[in-house]
mmCIF file of all heavy atoms, coordinates in Angstrom:
data_MODEL
# 
_entry.id   MODEL 
# 
loop_
_atom_site.group_PDB 
_atom_site.id 
_atom_site.type_symbol 
_atom_site.label_atom_id 
_atom_site.label_alt_id 
_atom_site.label_comp_id 
_atom_site.label_asym_id 
_atom_site.label_entity_id 
_atom_site.label_seq_id 
_atom_site.pdbx_PDB_ins_code 
_atom_site.Cartn_x 
_atom_site.Cartn_y 
_atom_site.Cartn_z 
_atom_site.occupancy 
_atom_site.B_iso_or_equiv 
_atom_site.pdbx_formal_charge 
_atom_site.auth_seq_id 
_atom_site.auth_comp_id 
_atom_site.auth_asym_id 
_atom_site.auth_atom_id 
_atom_site.pdbx_PDB_model_num 
ATOM 1   N N   . ARG A 1 1  ? -2.541  -4.204  -15.064 1.00 0.00 ? 1  ARG A N   1 
ATOM 2   C CA  . ARG A 1 1  ? -3.431  -3.355  -14.154 1.00 0.00 ? 1  ARG A CA  1 
ATOM 3   C C   . ARG A 1 1  ? -4.883  -3.851  -14.315 1.00 0.00 ? 1  ARG A C   1 
ATOM 4   O O   . ARG A 1 1  ? -5.598  -4.016  -13.332 1.00 0.00 ? 1  ARG A O   1 
ATOM 5   C CB  . ARG A 1 1  ? -3.349  -1.852  -14.518 1.00 0.00 ? 1  ARG A CB  1 
ATOM 6   C CG  . ARG A 1 1  ? -4.285  -1.013  -13.743 1.00 0.00 ? 1  ARG A CG  1 
ATOM 7   C CD  . ARG A 1 1  ? -4.143  -1.206  -12.262 1.00 0.00 ? 1  ARG A CD  1 
ATOM 8   N NE  . ARG A 1 1  ? -2.894  -0.732  -11.707 1.00 0.00 ? 1  ARG A NE  1 
ATOM 9   C CZ  . ARG A 1 1  ? -2.505  -0.762  -10.440 1.00 0.00 ? 1  ARG A CZ  1 
ATOM 10  N NH1 . ARG A 1 1  ? -3.378  -1.204  -9.535  1.00 0.00 ? 1  ARG A NH1 1 
ATOM 11  N NH2 . ARG A 1 1  ? -1.316  -0.334  -10.042 1.00 0.00 ? 1  ARG A NH2 1 
ATOM 12  N N   . THR A 1 2  ? -5.353  -4.068  -15.533 1.00 0.00 ? 2  THR A N   1 
ATOM 13  C CA  . THR A 1 2  ? -6.690  -4.542  -15.726 1.00 0.00 ? 2  THR A CA  1 
ATOM 14  C C   . THR A 1 2  ? -6.919  -5.931  -15.108 1.00 0.00 ? 2  THR A C   1 
ATOM 15  O O   . THR A 1 2  ? -7.884  -6.182  -14.394 1.00 0.00 ? 2  THR A O   1 
ATOM 16  C CB  . THR A 1 2  ? -7.079  -4.663  -17.218 1.00 0.00 ? 2  THR A CB  1 
ATOM 17  O OG1 . THR A 1 2  ? -6.931  -3.374  -17.772 1.00 0.00 ? 2  THR A OG1 1 
ATOM 18  C CG2 . THR A 1 2  ? -8.467  -5.191  -17.466 1.00 0.00 ? 2  THR A CG2 1 
ATOM 19  N N   . PHE A 1 3  ? -5.876  -6.760  -15.252 1.00 0.00 ? 3  PHE A N   1 
ATOM 20  C CA  . PHE A 1 3  ? -5.942  -8.076  -14.644 1.00 0.00 ? 3  PHE A CA  1 
ATOM 21  C C   . PHE A 1 3  ? -6.054  -8.033  -13.180 1.00 0.00 ? 3  PHE A C   1 
ATOM 22  O O   . PHE A 1 3  ? -6.910  -8.693  -12.555 1.00 0.00 ? 3  PHE A O   1 
ATOM 23  C CB  . PHE A 1 3  ? -4.615  -8.821  -15.115 1.00 0.00 ? 3  PHE A CB  1 
ATOM 24  C CG  . PHE A 1 3  ? -4.522  -10.199 -14.423 1.00 0.00 ? 3  PHE A CG  1 
ATOM 25  C CD1 . PHE A 1 3  ? -5.236  -11.325 -14.851 1.00 0.00 ? 3  PHE A CD1 1 
ATOM 26  C CD2 . PHE A 1 3  ? -3.645  -10.418 -13.387 1.00 0.00 ? 3  PHE A CD2 1 
ATOM 27  C CE1 . PHE A 1 3  ? -5.127  -12.557 -14.313 1.00 0.00 ? 3  PHE A CE1 1 
ATOM 28  C CE2 . PHE A 1 3  ? -3.484  -11.648 -12.780 1.00 0.00 ? 3  PHE A CE2 1 
ATOM 29  C CZ  . PHE A 1 3  ? -4.181  -12.731 -13.255 1.00 0.00 ? 3  PHE A CZ  1 
ATOM 30  N N   . ALA A 1 4  ? -5.360  -7.186  -12.506 1.00 0.00 ? 4  ALA A N   1 
ATOM 31  C CA  . ALA A 1 4  ? -5.332  -7.046  -11.072 1.00 0.00 ? 4  ALA A CA  1 
ATOM 32  C C   . ALA A 1 4  ? -6.723  -6.492  -10.586 1.00 0.00 ? 4  ALA A C   1 
ATOM 33  O O   . ALA A 1 4  ? -7.167  -6.846  -9.520  1.00 0.00 ? 4  ALA A O   1 
ATOM 34  C CB  . ALA A 1 4  ? -4.203  -6.193  -10.620 1.00 0.00 ? 4  ALA A CB  1 
ATOM 35  N N   . ASP A 1 5  ? -7.297  -5.607  -11.406 1.00 0.00 ? 5  ASP A N   1 
ATOM 36  C CA  . ASP A 1 5  ? -8.545  -4.954  -10.939 1.00 0.00 ? 5  ASP A CA  1 
ATOM 37  C C   . ASP A 1 5  ? -9.782  -5.821  -11.147 1.00 0.00 ? 5  ASP A C   1 
ATOM 38  O O   . ASP A 1 5  ? -10.806 -5.475  -10.545 1.00 0.00 ? 5  ASP A O   1 
ATOM 39  C CB  . ASP A 1 5  ? -8.690  -3.589  -11.686 1.00 0.00 ? 5  ASP A CB  1 
ATOM 40  C CG  . ASP A 1 5  ? -7.685  -2.588  -11.255 1.00 0.00 ? 5  ASP A CG  1 
ATOM 41  O OD1 . ASP A 1 5  ? -7.140  -2.793  -10.133 1.00 0.00 ? 5  ASP A OD1 1 
ATOM 42  O OD2 . ASP A 1 5  ? -7.518  -1.558  -11.971 1.00 0.00 ? 5  ASP A OD2 1 
ATOM 43  N N   . LEU A 1 6  ? -9.691  -6.803  -11.990 1.00 0.00 ? 6  LEU A N   1 
ATOM 44  C CA  . LEU A 1 6  ? -10.892 -7.658  -12.291 1.00 0.00 ? 6  LEU A CA  1 
ATOM 45  C C   . LEU A 1 6  ? -11.272 -8.552  -11.081 1.00 0.00 ? 6  LEU A C   1 
ATOM 46  O O   . LEU A 1 6  ? -10.328 -8.901  -10.300 1.00 0.00 ? 6  LEU A O   1 
ATOM 47  C CB  . LEU A 1 6  ? -10.660 -8.548  -13.480 1.00 0.00 ? 6  LEU A CB  1 
ATOM 48  C CG  . LEU A 1 6  ? -10.645 -7.805  -14.870 1.00 0.00 ? 6  LEU A CG  1 
ATOM 49  C CD1 . LEU A 1 6  ? -10.158 -8.798  -15.977 1.00 0.00 ? 6  LEU A CD1 1 
ATOM 50  C CD2 . LEU A 1 6  ? -11.939 -7.242  -15.243 1.00 0.00 ? 6  LEU A CD2 1 
ATOM 51  N N   . PRO A 1 7  ? -12.485 -8.872  -10.917 1.00 0.00 ? 7  PRO A N   1 
ATOM 52  C CA  . PRO A 1 7  ? -12.835 -9.917  -9.907  1.00 0.00 ? 7  PRO A CA  1 
ATOM 53  C C   . PRO A 1 7  ? -12.384 -11.310 -10.368 1.00 0.00 ? 7  PRO A C   1 
ATOM 54  O O   . PRO A 1 7  ? -12.638 -11.673 -11.503 1.00 0.00 ? 7  PRO A O   1 
ATOM 55  C CB  . PRO A 1 7  ? -14.391 -9.827  -9.814  1.00 0.00 ? 7  PRO A CB  1 
ATOM 56  C CG  . PRO A 1 7  ? -14.789 -9.318  -11.149 1.00 0.00 ? 7  PRO A CG  1 
ATOM 57  C CD  . PRO A 1 7  ? -13.707 -8.385  -11.621 1.00 0.00 ? 7  PRO A CD  1 
ATOM 58  N N   . HIS A 1 8  ? -11.783 -12.040 -9.475  1.00 0.00 ? 8  HIS A N   1 
ATOM 59  C CA  . HIS A 1 8  ? -11.152 -13.319 -9.867  1.00 0.00 ? 8  HIS A CA  1 
ATOM 60  C C   . HIS A 1 8  ? -11.899 -14.499 -9.310  1.00 0.00 ? 8  HIS A C   1 
ATOM 61  O O   . HIS A 1 8  ? -12.463 -14.424 -8.214  1.00 0.00 ? 8  HIS A O   1 
ATOM 62  C CB  . HIS A 1 8  ? -9.705  -13.406 -9.378  1.00 0.00 ? 8  HIS A CB  1 
ATOM 63  C CG  . HIS A 1 8  ? -8.786  -12.528 -10.167 1.00 0.00 ? 8  HIS A CG  1 
ATOM 64  N ND1 . HIS A 1 8  ? -7.821  -13.018 -11.036 1.00 0.00 ? 8  HIS A ND1 1 
ATOM 65  C CD2 . HIS A 1 8  ? -8.706  -11.151 -10.253 1.00 0.00 ? 8  HIS A CD2 1 
ATOM 66  C CE1 . HIS A 1 8  ? -7.154  -12.010 -11.593 1.00 0.00 ? 8  HIS A CE1 1 
ATOM 67  N NE2 . HIS A 1 8  ? -7.669  -10.925 -11.132 1.00 0.00 ? 8  HIS A NE2 1 
ATOM 68  N N   . LEU A 1 9  ? -11.850 -15.633 -10.009 1.00 0.00 ? 9  LEU A N   1 
ATOM 69  C CA  . LEU A 1 9  ? -12.262 -16.914 -9.571  1.00 0.00 ? 9  LEU A CA  1 
ATOM 70  C C   . LEU A 1 9  ? -10.985 -17.727 -9.240  1.00 0.00 ? 9  LEU A C   1 
ATOM 71  O O   . LEU A 1 9  ? -10.112 -17.815 -10.101 1.00 0.00 ? 9  LEU A O   1 
ATOM 72  C CB  . LEU A 1 9  ? -13.082 -17.604 -10.610 1.00 0.00 ? 9  LEU A CB  1 
ATOM 73  C CG  . LEU A 1 9  ? -13.748 -18.958 -10.328 1.00 0.00 ? 9  LEU A CG  1 
ATOM 74  C CD1 . LEU A 1 9  ? -14.812 -19.217 -11.343 1.00 0.00 ? 9  LEU A CD1 1 
ATOM 75  C CD2 . LEU A 1 9  ? -12.824 -20.119 -10.179 1.00 0.00 ? 9  LEU A CD2 1 
ATOM 76  N N   . LEU A 1 10 ? -10.932 -18.233 -8.056  1.00 0.00 ? 10 LEU A N   1 
ATOM 77  C CA  . LEU A 1 10 ? -9.726  -18.994 -7.572  1.00 0.00 ? 10 LEU A CA  1 
ATOM 78  C C   . LEU A 1 10 ? -10.088 -20.380 -7.477  1.00 0.00 ? 10 LEU A C   1 
ATOM 79  O O   . LEU A 1 10 ? -11.161 -20.801 -6.852  1.00 0.00 ? 10 LEU A O   1 
ATOM 80  C CB  . LEU A 1 10 ? -9.185  -18.393 -6.270  1.00 0.00 ? 10 LEU A CB  1 
ATOM 81  C CG  . LEU A 1 10 ? -8.133  -19.308 -5.582  1.00 0.00 ? 10 LEU A CG  1 
ATOM 82  C CD1 . LEU A 1 10 ? -6.832  -19.288 -6.328  1.00 0.00 ? 10 LEU A CD1 1 
ATOM 83  C CD2 . LEU A 1 10 ? -7.875  -18.792 -4.108  1.00 0.00 ? 10 LEU A CD2 1 
ATOM 84  N N   . VAL A 1 11 ? -9.383  -21.352 -8.064  1.00 0.00 ? 11 VAL A N   1 
ATOM 85  C CA  . VAL A 1 11 ? -9.495  -22.712 -7.906  1.00 0.00 ? 11 VAL A CA  1 
ATOM 86  C C   . VAL A 1 11 ? -8.582  -23.126 -6.831  1.00 0.00 ? 11 VAL A C   1 
ATOM 87  O O   . VAL A 1 11 ? -7.329  -23.059 -6.961  1.00 0.00 ? 11 VAL A O   1 
ATOM 88  C CB  . VAL A 1 11 ? -9.250  -23.523 -9.222  1.00 0.00 ? 11 VAL A CB  1 
ATOM 89  C CG1 . VAL A 1 11 ? -9.430  -25.038 -9.002  1.00 0.00 ? 11 VAL A CG1 1 
ATOM 90  C CG2 . VAL A 1 11 ? -10.228 -23.051 -10.321 1.00 0.00 ? 11 VAL A CG2 1 
ATOM 91  N N   . SER A 1 12 ? -9.107  -23.663 -5.717  1.00 0.00 ? 12 SER A N   1 
ATOM 92  C CA  . SER A 1 12 ? -8.198  -24.057 -4.622  1.00 0.00 ? 12 SER A CA  1 
ATOM 93  C C   . SER A 1 12 ? -8.829  -25.367 -4.010  1.00 0.00 ? 12 SER A C   1 
ATOM 94  O O   . SER A 1 12 ? -9.663  -25.290 -3.106  1.00 0.00 ? 12 SER A O   1 
ATOM 95  C CB  . SER A 1 12 ? -8.144  -22.931 -3.515  1.00 0.00 ? 12 SER A CB  1 
ATOM 96  O OG  . SER A 1 12 ? -7.394  -23.363 -2.345  1.00 0.00 ? 12 SER A OG  1 
ATOM 97  N N   . PRO A 1 13 ? -8.241  -26.503 -4.313  1.00 0.00 ? 13 PRO A N   1 
ATOM 98  C CA  . PRO A 1 13 ? -8.757  -27.771 -3.684  1.00 0.00 ? 13 PRO A CA  1 
ATOM 99  C C   . PRO A 1 13 ? -8.586  -27.756 -2.171  1.00 0.00 ? 13 PRO A C   1 
ATOM 100 O O   . PRO A 1 13 ? -9.397  -28.383 -1.500  1.00 0.00 ? 13 PRO A O   1 
ATOM 101 C CB  . PRO A 1 13 ? -7.824  -28.839 -4.336  1.00 0.00 ? 13 PRO A CB  1 
ATOM 102 C CG  . PRO A 1 13 ? -7.433  -28.283 -5.628  1.00 0.00 ? 13 PRO A CG  1 
ATOM 103 C CD  . PRO A 1 13 ? -7.250  -26.749 -5.327  1.00 0.00 ? 13 PRO A CD  1 
ATOM 104 N N   . GLU A 1 14 ? -7.556  -27.076 -1.629  1.00 0.00 ? 14 GLU A N   1 
ATOM 105 C CA  . GLU A 1 14 ? -7.319  -27.071 -0.270  1.00 0.00 ? 14 GLU A CA  1 
ATOM 106 C C   . GLU A 1 14 ? -8.037  -25.902 0.441   1.00 0.00 ? 14 GLU A C   1 
ATOM 107 O O   . GLU A 1 14 ? -7.865  -25.676 1.628   1.00 0.00 ? 14 GLU A O   1 
ATOM 108 C CB  . GLU A 1 14 ? -5.808  -26.900 0.086   1.00 0.00 ? 14 GLU A CB  1 
ATOM 109 C CG  . GLU A 1 14 ? -5.090  -28.227 -0.256  1.00 0.00 ? 14 GLU A CG  1 
ATOM 110 C CD  . GLU A 1 14 ? -4.586  -28.255 -1.640  1.00 0.00 ? 14 GLU A CD  1 
ATOM 111 O OE1 . GLU A 1 14 ? -4.738  -27.264 -2.394  1.00 0.00 ? 14 GLU A OE1 1 
ATOM 112 O OE2 . GLU A 1 14 ? -4.027  -29.309 -2.058  1.00 0.00 ? 14 GLU A OE2 1 
ATOM 113 N N   . ASN A 1 15 ? -8.933  -25.146 -0.340  1.00 0.00 ? 15 ASN A N   1 
ATOM 114 C CA  . ASN A 1 15 ? -9.674  -24.044 0.255   1.00 0.00 ? 15 ASN A CA  1 
ATOM 115 C C   . ASN A 1 15 ? -8.858  -22.963 0.724   1.00 0.00 ? 15 ASN A C   1 
ATOM 116 O O   . ASN A 1 15 ? -9.134  -22.287 1.733   1.00 0.00 ? 15 ASN A O   1 
ATOM 117 C CB  . ASN A 1 15 ? -10.703 -24.492 1.266   1.00 0.00 ? 15 ASN A CB  1 
ATOM 118 C CG  . ASN A 1 15 ? -11.776 -23.520 1.521   1.00 0.00 ? 15 ASN A CG  1 
ATOM 119 O OD1 . ASN A 1 15 ? -12.238 -22.795 0.633   1.00 0.00 ? 15 ASN A OD1 1 
ATOM 120 N ND2 . ASN A 1 15 ? -12.288 -23.482 2.789   1.00 0.00 ? 15 ASN A ND2 1 
ATOM 121 N N   . GLU A 1 16 ? -7.691  -22.721 0.106   1.00 0.00 ? 16 GLU A N   1 
ATOM 122 C CA  . GLU A 1 16 ? -6.808  -21.633 0.492   1.00 0.00 ? 16 GLU A CA  1 
ATOM 123 C C   . GLU A 1 16 ? -7.302  -20.349 -0.194  1.00 0.00 ? 16 GLU A C   1 
ATOM 124 O O   . GLU A 1 16 ? -8.043  -20.354 -1.170  1.00 0.00 ? 16 GLU A O   1 
ATOM 125 C CB  . GLU A 1 16 ? -5.406  -21.931 0.037   1.00 0.00 ? 16 GLU A CB  1 
ATOM 126 C CG  . GLU A 1 16 ? -4.858  -23.151 0.790   1.00 0.00 ? 16 GLU A CG  1 
ATOM 127 C CD  . GLU A 1 16 ? -3.455  -23.536 0.269   1.00 0.00 ? 16 GLU A CD  1 
ATOM 128 O OE1 . GLU A 1 16 ? -3.144  -23.191 -0.863  1.00 0.00 ? 16 GLU A OE1 1 
ATOM 129 O OE2 . GLU A 1 16 ? -2.751  -24.323 0.962   1.00 0.00 ? 16 GLU A OE2 1 
ATOM 130 N N   . SER A 1 17 ? -6.885  -19.185 0.358   1.00 0.00 ? 17 SER A N   1 
ATOM 131 C CA  . SER A 1 17 ? -7.312  -17.929 -0.174  1.00 0.00 ? 17 SER A CA  1 
ATOM 132 C C   . SER A 1 17 ? -6.137  -17.169 -0.855  1.00 0.00 ? 17 SER A C   1 
ATOM 133 O O   . SER A 1 17 ? -6.291  -15.921 -1.138  1.00 0.00 ? 17 SER A O   1 
ATOM 134 C CB  . SER A 1 17 ? -7.961  -17.071 0.879   1.00 0.00 ? 17 SER A CB  1 
ATOM 135 O OG  . SER A 1 17 ? -7.010  -16.860 1.999   1.00 0.00 ? 17 SER A OG  1 
ATOM 136 N N   . TYR A 1 18 ? -5.024  -17.876 -0.985  1.00 0.00 ? 18 TYR A N   1 
ATOM 137 C CA  . TYR A 1 18 ? -3.827  -17.222 -1.575  1.00 0.00 ? 18 TYR A CA  1 
ATOM 138 C C   . TYR A 1 18 ? -3.178  -18.267 -2.469  1.00 0.00 ? 18 TYR A C   1 
ATOM 139 O O   . TYR A 1 18 ? -2.888  -19.369 -1.998  1.00 0.00 ? 18 TYR A O   1 
ATOM 140 C CB  . TYR A 1 18 ? -2.895  -16.795 -0.463  1.00 0.00 ? 18 TYR A CB  1 
ATOM 141 C CG  . TYR A 1 18 ? -1.691  -16.025 -0.870  1.00 0.00 ? 18 TYR A CG  1 
ATOM 142 C CD1 . TYR A 1 18 ? -1.811  -14.594 -1.038  1.00 0.00 ? 18 TYR A CD1 1 
ATOM 143 C CD2 . TYR A 1 18 ? -0.502  -16.558 -1.220  1.00 0.00 ? 18 TYR A CD2 1 
ATOM 144 C CE1 . TYR A 1 18 ? -0.708  -13.835 -1.381  1.00 0.00 ? 18 TYR A CE1 1 
ATOM 145 C CE2 . TYR A 1 18 ? 0.552   -15.842 -1.627  1.00 0.00 ? 18 TYR A CE2 1 
ATOM 146 C CZ  . TYR A 1 18 ? 0.471   -14.468 -1.668  1.00 0.00 ? 18 TYR A CZ  1 
ATOM 147 O OH  . TYR A 1 18 ? 1.564   -13.749 -2.072  1.00 0.00 ? 18 TYR A OH  1 
ATOM 148 N N   . GLY A 1 19 ? -2.996  -17.835 -3.735  1.00 0.00 ? 19 GLY A N   1 
ATOM 149 C CA  . GLY A 1 19 ? -2.426  -18.879 -4.658  1.00 0.00 ? 19 GLY A CA  1 
ATOM 150 C C   . GLY A 1 19 ? -1.190  -18.350 -5.428  1.00 0.00 ? 19 GLY A C   1 
ATOM 151 O O   . GLY A 1 19 ? -0.640  -17.264 -5.096  1.00 0.00 ? 19 GLY A O   1 
ATOM 152 N N   . PHE A 1 20 ? -0.808  -19.107 -6.374  1.00 0.00 ? 20 PHE A N   1 
ATOM 153 C CA  . PHE A 1 20 ? 0.360   -18.723 -7.199  1.00 0.00 ? 20 PHE A CA  1 
ATOM 154 C C   . PHE A 1 20 ? 0.268   -17.394 -7.868  1.00 0.00 ? 20 PHE A C   1 
ATOM 155 O O   . PHE A 1 20 ? 1.246   -16.656 -8.084  1.00 0.00 ? 20 PHE A O   1 
ATOM 156 C CB  . PHE A 1 20 ? 0.733   -19.805 -8.202  1.00 0.00 ? 20 PHE A CB  1 
ATOM 157 C CG  . PHE A 1 20 ? -0.366  -20.136 -9.118  1.00 0.00 ? 20 PHE A CG  1 
ATOM 158 C CD1 . PHE A 1 20 ? -0.504  -19.404 -10.342 1.00 0.00 ? 20 PHE A CD1 1 
ATOM 159 C CD2 . PHE A 1 20 ? -1.338  -21.071 -8.859  1.00 0.00 ? 20 PHE A CD2 1 
ATOM 160 C CE1 . PHE A 1 20 ? -1.472  -19.644 -11.242 1.00 0.00 ? 20 PHE A CE1 1 
ATOM 161 C CE2 . PHE A 1 20 ? -2.393  -21.330 -9.712  1.00 0.00 ? 20 PHE A CE2 1 
ATOM 162 C CZ  . PHE A 1 20 ? -2.473  -20.600 -10.899 1.00 0.00 ? 20 PHE A CZ  1 
ATOM 163 N N   . VAL A 1 21 ? -0.992  -17.053 -8.327  1.00 0.00 ? 21 VAL A N   1 
ATOM 164 C CA  . VAL A 1 21 ? -1.166  -15.749 -8.967  1.00 0.00 ? 21 VAL A CA  1 
ATOM 165 C C   . VAL A 1 21 ? -0.977  -14.659 -7.936  1.00 0.00 ? 21 VAL A C   1 
ATOM 166 O O   . VAL A 1 21 ? -0.374  -13.608 -8.243  1.00 0.00 ? 21 VAL A O   1 
ATOM 167 C CB  . VAL A 1 21 ? -2.618  -15.639 -9.553  1.00 0.00 ? 21 VAL A CB  1 
ATOM 168 C CG1 . VAL A 1 21 ? -2.900  -14.308 -10.104 1.00 0.00 ? 21 VAL A CG1 1 
ATOM 169 C CG2 . VAL A 1 21 ? -2.712  -16.658 -10.754 1.00 0.00 ? 21 VAL A CG2 1 
ATOM 170 N N   . ASP A 1 22 ? -1.519  -14.811 -6.763  1.00 0.00 ? 22 ASP A N   1 
ATOM 171 C CA  . ASP A 1 22 ? -1.279  -13.771 -5.701  1.00 0.00 ? 22 ASP A CA  1 
ATOM 172 C C   . ASP A 1 22 ? 0.149   -13.552 -5.388  1.00 0.00 ? 22 ASP A C   1 
ATOM 173 O O   . ASP A 1 22 ? 0.622   -12.441 -5.194  1.00 0.00 ? 22 ASP A O   1 
ATOM 174 C CB  . ASP A 1 22 ? -2.028  -14.245 -4.440  1.00 0.00 ? 22 ASP A CB  1 
ATOM 175 C CG  . ASP A 1 22 ? -3.490  -14.468 -4.698  1.00 0.00 ? 22 ASP A CG  1 
ATOM 176 O OD1 . ASP A 1 22 ? -4.190  -13.459 -4.836  1.00 0.00 ? 22 ASP A OD1 1 
ATOM 177 O OD2 . ASP A 1 22 ? -3.918  -15.632 -4.858  1.00 0.00 ? 22 ASP A OD2 1 
ATOM 178 N N   . ALA A 1 23 ? 0.963   -14.719 -5.386  1.00 0.00 ? 23 ALA A N   1 
ATOM 179 C CA  . ALA A 1 23 ? 2.347   -14.617 -5.105  1.00 0.00 ? 23 ALA A CA  1 
ATOM 180 C C   . ALA A 1 23 ? 3.043   -13.802 -6.252  1.00 0.00 ? 23 ALA A C   1 
ATOM 181 O O   . ALA A 1 23 ? 3.906   -12.959 -5.973  1.00 0.00 ? 23 ALA A O   1 
ATOM 182 C CB  . ALA A 1 23 ? 2.979   -15.954 -4.960  1.00 0.00 ? 23 ALA A CB  1 
ATOM 183 N N   . ALA A 1 24 ? 2.683   -14.087 -7.482  1.00 0.00 ? 24 ALA A N   1 
ATOM 184 C CA  . ALA A 1 24 ? 3.308   -13.330 -8.587  1.00 0.00 ? 24 ALA A CA  1 
ATOM 185 C C   . ALA A 1 24 ? 2.861   -11.891 -8.568  1.00 0.00 ? 24 ALA A C   1 
ATOM 186 O O   . ALA A 1 24 ? 3.776   -10.965 -8.904  1.00 0.00 ? 24 ALA A O   1 
ATOM 187 C CB  . ALA A 1 24 ? 2.823   -14.016 -9.917  1.00 0.00 ? 24 ALA A CB  1 
ATOM 188 N N   . LEU A 1 25 ? 1.634   -11.533 -8.297  1.00 0.00 ? 25 LEU A N   1 
ATOM 189 C CA  . LEU A 1 25 ? 1.173   -10.176 -8.173  1.00 0.00 ? 25 LEU A CA  1 
ATOM 190 C C   . LEU A 1 25 ? 1.913   -9.473  -7.096  1.00 0.00 ? 25 LEU A C   1 
ATOM 191 O O   . LEU A 1 25 ? 2.308   -8.313  -7.148  1.00 0.00 ? 25 LEU A O   1 
ATOM 192 C CB  . LEU A 1 25 ? -0.300  -10.117 -7.970  1.00 0.00 ? 25 LEU A CB  1 
ATOM 193 C CG  . LEU A 1 25 ? -1.149  -10.395 -9.216  1.00 0.00 ? 25 LEU A CG  1 
ATOM 194 C CD1 . LEU A 1 25 ? -2.625  -10.517 -8.779  1.00 0.00 ? 25 LEU A CD1 1 
ATOM 195 C CD2 . LEU A 1 25 ? -1.054  -9.304  -10.268 1.00 0.00 ? 25 LEU A CD2 1 
# 
């Protein structure tokens, strides 16, 4: 829950806004 609530930095070479973490969440 803490993990989901924190502000995240996403590394996306293709400038996508959805990554593997989002899929797992």
